Protein backbone atom coordinates (compact mmCIF):
# COMPACT_ATOMS: atom_id res chain seq x y z
CA MET A 1 -3.08 6.59 -5.38
CA THR A 2 -5.69 4.44 -3.26
CA GLU A 3 -6.80 5.50 0.10
CA LEU A 4 -4.87 4.04 3.03
CA SER A 5 -6.21 2.50 5.98
CA PRO A 6 -6.55 4.52 9.21
CA ALA A 7 -3.46 2.57 10.61
CA ALA A 8 -1.29 3.07 7.99
CA GLN A 9 -2.23 6.82 7.52
CA ALA A 10 -1.24 7.47 11.48
CA VAL A 11 2.16 5.47 10.61
CA PHE A 12 2.73 7.81 7.84
CA HIS A 13 1.94 11.11 9.57
CA ALA A 14 3.74 10.43 12.50
CA PHE A 15 6.60 9.55 10.26
CA ASN A 16 6.15 12.93 8.84
CA SER A 17 5.35 14.91 11.83
CA LYS A 18 9.00 14.38 12.74
CA PHE A 19 10.34 16.99 9.41
CA ASP A 20 9.66 20.38 8.79
CA TRP A 21 7.88 19.23 5.24
CA ILE A 22 5.08 21.03 4.23
CA GLU A 23 3.79 18.85 1.67
CA ASP A 24 4.02 15.08 1.45
CA GLY A 25 6.87 15.52 -0.86
CA VAL A 26 7.64 12.40 -3.03
CA PRO A 27 5.49 9.40 -0.74
CA GLY A 28 7.24 6.43 -2.70
CA PRO A 29 10.57 6.34 -0.78
CA GLN A 30 8.62 7.55 2.39
CA PHE A 31 6.43 4.74 2.26
CA ASN A 32 9.31 2.30 1.36
CA SER A 33 11.32 3.34 4.17
CA ILE A 34 8.29 3.34 7.00
CA ALA A 35 7.46 -0.51 5.73
CA ALA A 36 11.19 -1.64 6.11
CA ALA A 37 11.05 -0.38 9.46
CA LEU A 38 7.92 -1.59 10.85
CA ARG A 39 9.13 -5.04 9.27
CA ALA A 40 12.49 -4.78 11.21
CA ALA A 41 10.22 -3.96 14.53
CA ALA A 42 7.91 -6.81 13.66
CA ASP A 43 10.97 -9.13 13.53
CA GLN A 44 12.49 -7.63 16.77
CA VAL A 45 9.04 -7.63 18.63
CA ILE A 46 7.85 -10.86 17.81
CA PRO A 47 10.79 -13.48 15.93
CA VAL A 48 9.40 -16.09 14.32
CA THR A 49 11.91 -19.26 15.14
CA LYS A 50 11.92 -22.55 13.56
CA SER A 51 11.43 -26.20 15.31
CA PRO A 52 13.86 -28.75 15.38
CA TRP A 53 11.40 -30.32 12.76
CA GLY A 54 11.42 -27.21 10.42
CA SER A 55 7.66 -26.09 11.05
CA THR A 56 7.68 -22.25 12.22
CA LEU A 57 7.00 -21.36 15.96
CA VAL A 58 4.96 -17.81 16.58
CA PRO A 59 5.39 -17.53 20.69
CA VAL A 60 0.93 -16.94 21.56
CA LEU A 61 -1.86 -15.83 18.69
CA SER A 62 -1.67 -12.57 19.94
CA SER A 63 1.75 -12.09 19.01
CA GLN A 64 1.07 -13.28 15.70
CA GLU A 65 -2.20 -11.29 15.37
CA SER A 66 0.35 -8.12 16.54
CA ARG A 67 2.71 -9.21 14.02
CA ASP A 68 0.18 -9.95 11.08
CA ARG A 69 -1.15 -5.66 11.70
CA LEU A 70 2.46 -4.07 11.50
CA LEU A 71 3.43 -6.44 8.16
CA ALA A 72 -0.56 -5.57 6.77
CA ILE A 73 0.26 -1.67 7.08
CA ALA A 74 4.23 -1.95 5.98
CA ASP A 75 2.84 -4.28 2.83
CA GLU A 76 0.02 -1.52 2.30
CA LEU A 77 2.61 1.39 2.54
CA ASP A 78 4.99 -0.44 0.42
CA GLY A 79 2.43 -0.81 -2.62
CA HIS A 80 2.03 3.08 -3.12
């Protein structure tokens, strides 16, 4: 398994800190669950909408950057 970025590590450790696990156990399902939660959060916090012409609309650039960072962590966790 490759090293996780500091951001992905922080999310993973925050998730694990809520349980009485002594070891990380089976990280694959944990990573997938965290990734799904992050995707759902991104969709709820910064929803992407379609314009009447079919193009994708995102409220503001800083919101898109936040969304991209959340989804990048989710993709990284999903890949493990």
